[in-house]
Amino acid sequence: MRKGIPWLQKIELVARPRLTPVCTSRAGRLVLGCAIALMSISMMIPIPLTNTLPAMGIFVTGFGLLDDDGAISLAGLTICAMGAALSSTIIYLVIRLGFAGMEQAVEVAKDWIKP
C-alpha cells in the first residue's frame, strides 16, 4: 500500500476526461470489455509469464474507464495487445514444439539475454 498509493496519486494528477467517446460510446465500451475479457482468460492459462502483462493491461484500462479518460484506456488497450501477443506466442510455441521444445526456447532466450 505504501508503495502503490504514491503511484496512484501521480496517475490521478494526469487523468482527466479526454477522448471520452472511447469510454462512453457503446462501441468503445464493447471493445474495452472484450479486451478485458480476453485478458482475464489469458490470465487463467497456467503457463509462466502469461499473467503479468494482461493484468497490467486490465488495470490501466479500468483506471481509464473510472475517469472517462480515453487516452489512458487506449494505453491500456496497447498493453493488452502486447499481453495477447505474448500469450499467443507462448501458446503457439507449446503447441508447435511441446513442453520440451518450450524449455529449449526458454534456454535460448536466457542465453540471448545474458551479457
Protein backbone atom coordinates (compact mmCIF):
# COMPACT_ATOMS: atom_id res chain seq x y z
CA MET A 1 0.00 0.00 0.00
CA ARG A 2 2.79 2.43 0.89
CA LYS A 3 4.46 1.96 -2.47
CA GLY A 4 1.27 1.84 -4.55
CA ILE A 5 -0.50 4.96 -3.26
CA PRO A 6 2.17 7.44 -4.45
CA TRP A 7 1.96 5.95 -7.96
CA LEU A 8 -1.82 6.23 -8.00
CA GLN A 9 -1.63 9.84 -6.82
CA LYS A 10 0.73 10.68 -9.69
CA ILE A 11 -1.54 8.96 -12.20
CA GLU A 12 -4.60 10.79 -10.83
CA LEU A 13 -2.85 14.12 -11.48
CA VAL A 14 -2.60 13.18 -15.16
CA ALA A 15 -6.03 11.54 -15.52
CA ARG A 16 -8.84 13.77 -16.72
CA PRO A 17 -11.79 13.33 -19.07
CA ARG A 18 -10.40 13.32 -22.61
CA LEU A 19 -11.25 11.24 -25.66
CA THR A 20 -14.44 10.40 -23.77
CA PRO A 21 -16.14 8.57 -26.69
CA VAL A 22 -13.64 5.74 -26.17
CA CYS A 23 -15.06 5.20 -22.68
CA THR A 24 -18.67 6.28 -23.08
CA SER A 25 -19.80 5.08 -26.51
CA ARG A 26 -21.33 1.65 -26.98
CA ALA A 27 -18.64 0.61 -29.47
CA GLY A 28 -15.84 1.83 -27.21
CA ARG A 29 -17.19 0.00 -24.19
CA LEU A 30 -17.66 -3.15 -26.29
CA VAL A 31 -14.03 -3.07 -27.45
CA LEU A 32 -12.74 -2.35 -23.93
CA GLY A 33 -14.93 -5.07 -22.45
CA CYS A 34 -13.79 -7.65 -25.00
CA ALA A 35 -10.15 -6.76 -24.35
CA ILE A 36 -10.64 -7.11 -20.59
CA ALA A 37 -12.45 -10.44 -21.05
CA LEU A 38 -9.71 -11.81 -23.32
CA MET A 39 -7.01 -10.70 -20.90
CA SER A 40 -8.81 -12.34 -17.98
CA ILE A 41 -8.98 -15.59 -19.97
CA SER A 42 -5.29 -15.21 -20.78
CA MET A 43 -4.52 -14.84 -17.08
CA MET A 44 -6.11 -18.25 -16.39
CA ILE A 45 -3.57 -20.05 -18.58
CA PRO A 46 -1.21 -21.88 -16.22
CA ILE A 47 1.94 -21.03 -18.16
CA PRO A 48 4.63 -18.82 -16.62
CA LEU A 49 4.99 -15.24 -17.92
CA THR A 50 1.42 -15.05 -19.23
CA ASN A 51 -0.20 -13.33 -16.25
CA THR A 52 1.62 -10.07 -15.54
CA LEU A 53 1.16 -8.17 -18.80
CA PRO A 54 -2.58 -8.96 -19.14
CA ALA A 55 -3.15 -7.95 -15.51
CA MET A 56 -1.38 -4.63 -16.07
CA GLY A 57 -3.48 -4.06 -19.20
CA ILE A 58 -6.69 -4.71 -17.29
CA PHE A 59 -5.61 -2.35 -14.51
CA VAL A 60 -4.68 0.52 -16.84
CA THR A 61 -7.80 0.09 -18.98
CA GLY A 62 -10.02 0.01 -15.88
CA PHE A 63 -8.34 3.09 -14.47
CA GLY A 64 -9.05 4.94 -17.70
CA LEU A 65 -12.69 3.83 -17.55
CA LEU A 66 -13.04 5.12 -13.99
CA ASP A 67 -12.02 8.64 -15.00
CA ASP A 68 -13.53 8.56 -18.53
CA ASP A 69 -10.01 9.09 -19.82
CA GLY A 70 -9.87 7.59 -23.28
CA ALA A 71 -6.13 8.21 -23.60
CA ILE A 72 -5.36 6.06 -20.56
CA SER A 73 -7.84 3.42 -21.75
CA LEU A 74 -6.12 3.33 -25.16
CA ALA A 75 -2.77 2.92 -23.40
CA GLY A 76 -4.34 0.01 -21.52
CA LEU A 77 -5.51 -1.49 -24.81
CA THR A 78 -1.94 -1.23 -26.10
CA ILE A 79 -0.70 -3.13 -23.06
CA CYS A 80 -3.49 -5.67 -23.61
CA ALA A 81 -2.36 -6.13 -27.22
CA MET A 82 1.19 -6.78 -26.05
CA GLY A 83 -0.14 -9.27 -23.50
CA ALA A 84 -2.20 -11.01 -26.16
CA ALA A 85 0.84 -11.23 -28.44
CA LEU A 86 2.94 -12.69 -25.63
CA SER A 87 0.31 -15.24 -24.61
CA SER A 88 -0.36 -16.22 -28.23
CA THR A 89 3.34 -16.70 -28.89
CA ILE A 90 3.80 -18.87 -25.82
CA ILE A 91 0.71 -20.96 -26.60
CA TYR A 92 1.87 -21.37 -30.21
CA LEU A 93 5.32 -22.50 -29.07
CA VAL A 94 3.82 -25.01 -26.65
CA ILE A 95 1.51 -26.43 -29.31
CA ARG A 96 4.15 -26.42 -32.03
CA LEU A 97 7.19 -27.56 -30.03
CA GLY A 98 5.68 -29.20 -26.97
CA PHE A 99 6.90 -28.58 -23.45
CA ALA A 100 10.40 -29.93 -24.19
CA GLY A 101 10.74 -27.51 -27.09
CA MET A 102 9.42 -24.72 -24.91
CA GLU A 103 12.15 -25.43 -22.36
CA GLN A 104 14.72 -25.20 -25.16
CA ALA A 105 13.24 -21.89 -26.30
CA VAL A 106 13.49 -20.56 -22.75
CA GLU A 107 17.16 -21.60 -22.60
CA VAL A 108 17.86 -19.86 -25.92
CA ALA A 109 16.12 -16.73 -24.62
CA LYS A 110 18.19 -16.84 -21.41
CA ASP A 111 21.40 -17.13 -23.43
CA TRP A 112 20.27 -14.28 -25.66
CA ILE A 113 19.55 -12.01 -22.69
CA LYS A 114 22.78 -12.83 -20.85
CA PRO A 115 25.55 -10.29 -21.48
